[in-house]
Amino acid sequence: MVSRKNNKRLMSFKVGGQVSLMCKFPGVKVPIKITAIVKNVRSSGYESSVGLLFHEDTTSVTKKVIKWYLSTVEQFIPDNEIDKTTVVL
C-alpha cells in the first residue's frame, strides 16, 4: 500500500505497467531490486493498494528472500486479511 503523507501526491500506477522496487529486508545487507507488472490498482484520496505480478526473470535468490519474509510476517496478519491464492513464487 502507498499512503499519502504531508499532502504529497501519491505515486501513480497504471495496470499493465512495469515497476521496479528496491526493497530492504531484515538481515539482508543490500537492497534487492524486484521488477513486477501492475495487475490491479485500488485508490482513495489518501492511499493506494497495488497488486503486482513478479517478473518471470526474478532470481531464485530474490524469490527465496521474499518467501522467507512472507513466512515470518504471516503469523502477525489475521487469516482473513491474507489471500494465499495470489502468493505464488
C-alpha atoms as a PDB file:
ATOM      1  CA  MET A   1       0.000   0.000   0.000  1.00  0.00           C
ATOM      2  CA  VAL A   2       1.209   3.501  -0.800  1.00  0.00           C
ATOM      3  CA  SER A   3      -0.032   6.207   1.575  1.00  0.00           C
ATOM      4  CA  ARG A   4      -0.039   9.974   1.244  1.00  0.00           C
ATOM      5  CA  LYS A   5       1.893  11.951   3.871  1.00  0.00           C
ATOM      6  CA  ASN A   6       2.170  15.700   4.320  1.00  0.00           C
ATOM      7  CA  ASN A   7      -0.251  16.326   1.412  1.00  0.00           C
ATOM      8  CA  LYS A   8       2.253  14.974  -1.096  1.00  0.00           C
ATOM      9  CA  ARG A   9       0.867  13.366  -4.248  1.00  0.00           C
ATOM     10  CA  LEU A  10       0.550   9.585  -4.333  1.00  0.00           C
ATOM     11  CA  MET A  11       2.591   7.666  -6.859  1.00  0.00           C
ATOM     12  CA  SER A  12       0.500   6.744  -9.872  1.00  0.00           C
ATOM     13  CA  PHE A  13       0.364   3.192 -11.189  1.00  0.00           C
ATOM     14  CA  LYS A  14      -1.046   2.001 -14.494  1.00  0.00           C
ATOM     15  CA  VAL A  15      -2.460  -1.517 -14.874  1.00  0.00           C
ATOM     16  CA  GLY A  16      -0.138  -3.380 -17.230  1.00  0.00           C
ATOM     17  CA  GLY A  17       2.762  -1.066 -16.451  1.00  0.00           C
ATOM     18  CA  GLN A  18       6.121  -2.311 -15.237  1.00  0.00           C
ATOM     19  CA  VAL A  19       7.563  -1.143 -11.915  1.00  0.00           C
ATOM     20  CA  SER A  20      10.937  -1.635 -10.271  1.00  0.00           C
ATOM     21  CA  LEU A  21      11.099  -1.744  -6.495  1.00  0.00           C
ATOM     22  CA  MET A  22      14.201  -1.501  -4.338  1.00  0.00           C
ATOM     23  CA  CYS A  23      13.344  -3.435  -1.172  1.00  0.00           C
ATOM     24  CA  LYS A  24      15.282  -3.818   2.052  1.00  0.00           C
ATOM     25  CA  PHE A  25      14.636  -6.984   4.039  1.00  0.00           C
ATOM     26  CA  PRO A  26      15.686  -7.674   7.627  1.00  0.00           C
ATOM     27  CA  GLY A  27      19.014  -9.496   7.747  1.00  0.00           C
ATOM     28  CA  VAL A  28      19.855  -8.767   4.092  1.00  0.00           C
ATOM     29  CA  LYS A  29      22.724  -6.291   3.729  1.00  0.00           C
ATOM     30  CA  VAL A  30      21.885  -4.845   0.317  1.00  0.00           C
ATOM     31  CA  PRO A  31      18.545  -3.733  -1.154  1.00  0.00           C
ATOM     32  CA  ILE A  32      17.000  -6.191  -3.598  1.00  0.00           C
ATOM     33  CA  LYS A  33      15.604  -4.969  -6.914  1.00  0.00           C
ATOM     34  CA  ILE A  34      12.238  -6.501  -7.762  1.00  0.00           C
ATOM     35  CA  THR A  35      10.650  -5.960 -11.169  1.00  0.00           C
ATOM     36  CA  ALA A  36       6.908  -6.522 -11.473  1.00  0.00           C
ATOM     37  CA  ILE A  37       3.871  -5.881 -13.659  1.00  0.00           C
ATOM     38  CA  VAL A  38       0.959  -3.919 -12.147  1.00  0.00           C
ATOM     39  CA  LYS A  39      -2.095  -6.212 -12.198  1.00  0.00           C
ATOM     40  CA  ASN A  40      -4.615  -4.048 -10.315  1.00  0.00           C
ATOM     41  CA  VAL A  41      -4.853  -0.715  -8.521  1.00  0.00           C
ATOM     42  CA  ARG A  42      -7.335   0.497  -5.902  1.00  0.00           C
ATOM     43  CA  SER A  43      -7.098   4.126  -4.806  1.00  0.00           C
ATOM     44  CA  SER A  44      -8.715   6.580  -2.452  1.00  0.00           C
ATOM     45  CA  GLY A  45      -7.607  10.137  -1.860  1.00  0.00           C
ATOM     46  CA  TYR A  46      -5.074   9.038   0.738  1.00  0.00           C
ATOM     47  CA  GLU A  47      -3.831   5.573  -0.131  1.00  0.00           C
ATOM     48  CA  SER A  48      -3.444   3.098  -2.958  1.00  0.00           C
ATOM     49  CA  SER A  49      -3.270  -0.681  -2.967  1.00  0.00           C
ATOM     50  CA  VAL A  50      -1.357  -2.212  -5.844  1.00  0.00           C
ATOM     51  CA  GLY A  51      -1.413  -5.850  -6.969  1.00  0.00           C
ATOM     52  CA  LEU A  52       1.866  -6.924  -8.545  1.00  0.00           C
ATOM     53  CA  LEU A  53       2.964  -9.941 -10.560  1.00  0.00           C
ATOM     54  CA  PHE A  54       6.684 -10.558 -10.183  1.00  0.00           C
ATOM     55  CA  HIS A  55       8.578 -10.649 -13.463  1.00  0.00           C
ATOM     56  CA  GLU A  56       9.449 -14.119 -14.763  1.00  0.00           C
ATOM     57  CA  ASP A  57      13.150 -13.195 -14.602  1.00  0.00           C
ATOM     58  CA  THR A  58      13.043 -12.822 -10.792  1.00  0.00           C
ATOM     59  CA  THR A  59      16.114 -14.642  -9.496  1.00  0.00           C
ATOM     60  CA  SER A  60      15.849 -17.694  -7.269  1.00  0.00           C
ATOM     61  CA  VAL A  61      17.693 -15.806  -4.506  1.00  0.00           C
ATOM     62  CA  THR A  62      15.143 -12.973  -4.620  1.00  0.00           C
ATOM     63  CA  LYS A  63      12.268 -15.484  -4.557  1.00  0.00           C
ATOM     64  CA  LYS A  64      13.841 -17.217  -1.561  1.00  0.00           C
ATOM     65  CA  VAL A  65      14.179 -13.917   0.356  1.00  0.00           C
ATOM     66  CA  ILE A  66      10.550 -12.957  -0.413  1.00  0.00           C
ATOM     67  CA  LYS A  67       9.259 -16.400   0.642  1.00  0.00           C
ATOM     68  CA  TRP A  68      11.279 -16.220   3.862  1.00  0.00           C
ATOM     69  CA  TYR A  69       9.984 -12.738   4.666  1.00  0.00           C
ATOM     70  CA  LEU A  70       6.355 -13.665   3.980  1.00  0.00           C
ATOM     71  CA  SER A  71       6.677 -16.725   6.203  1.00  0.00           C
ATOM     72  CA  THR A  72       7.943 -14.568   9.088  1.00  0.00           C
ATOM     73  CA  VAL A  73       5.163 -11.956   8.909  1.00  0.00           C
ATOM     74  CA  GLU A  74       2.235 -14.303   8.206  1.00  0.00           C
ATOM     75  CA  GLN A  75       1.904 -15.111  11.890  1.00  0.00           C
ATOM     76  CA  PHE A  76       1.138 -11.458  12.662  1.00  0.00           C
ATOM     77  CA  ILE A  77      -1.522 -10.975   9.975  1.00  0.00           C
ATOM     78  CA  PRO A  78      -5.081 -12.205  10.602  1.00  0.00           C
ATOM     79  CA  ASP A  79      -6.053 -15.065   8.259  1.00  0.00           C
ATOM     80  CA  ASN A  80      -8.958 -13.071   6.828  1.00  0.00           C
ATOM     81  CA  GLU A  81      -6.506 -10.434   5.541  1.00  0.00           C
ATOM     82  CA  ILE A  82      -4.338 -12.859   3.561  1.00  0.00           C
ATOM     83  CA  ASP A  83      -5.290 -14.042   0.086  1.00  0.00           C
ATOM     84  CA  LYS A  84      -2.971 -17.034  -0.087  1.00  0.00           C
ATOM     85  CA  THR A  85      -4.197 -17.946  -3.564  1.00  0.00           C
ATOM     86  CA  THR A  86      -2.303 -14.988  -5.003  1.00  0.00           C
ATOM     87  CA  VAL A  87       1.041 -15.574  -3.289  1.00  0.00           C
ATOM     88  CA  VAL A  88       2.862 -17.861  -5.718  1.00  0.00           C
ATOM     89  CA  LEU A  89       6.636 -17.690  -6.076  1.00  0.00           C
END
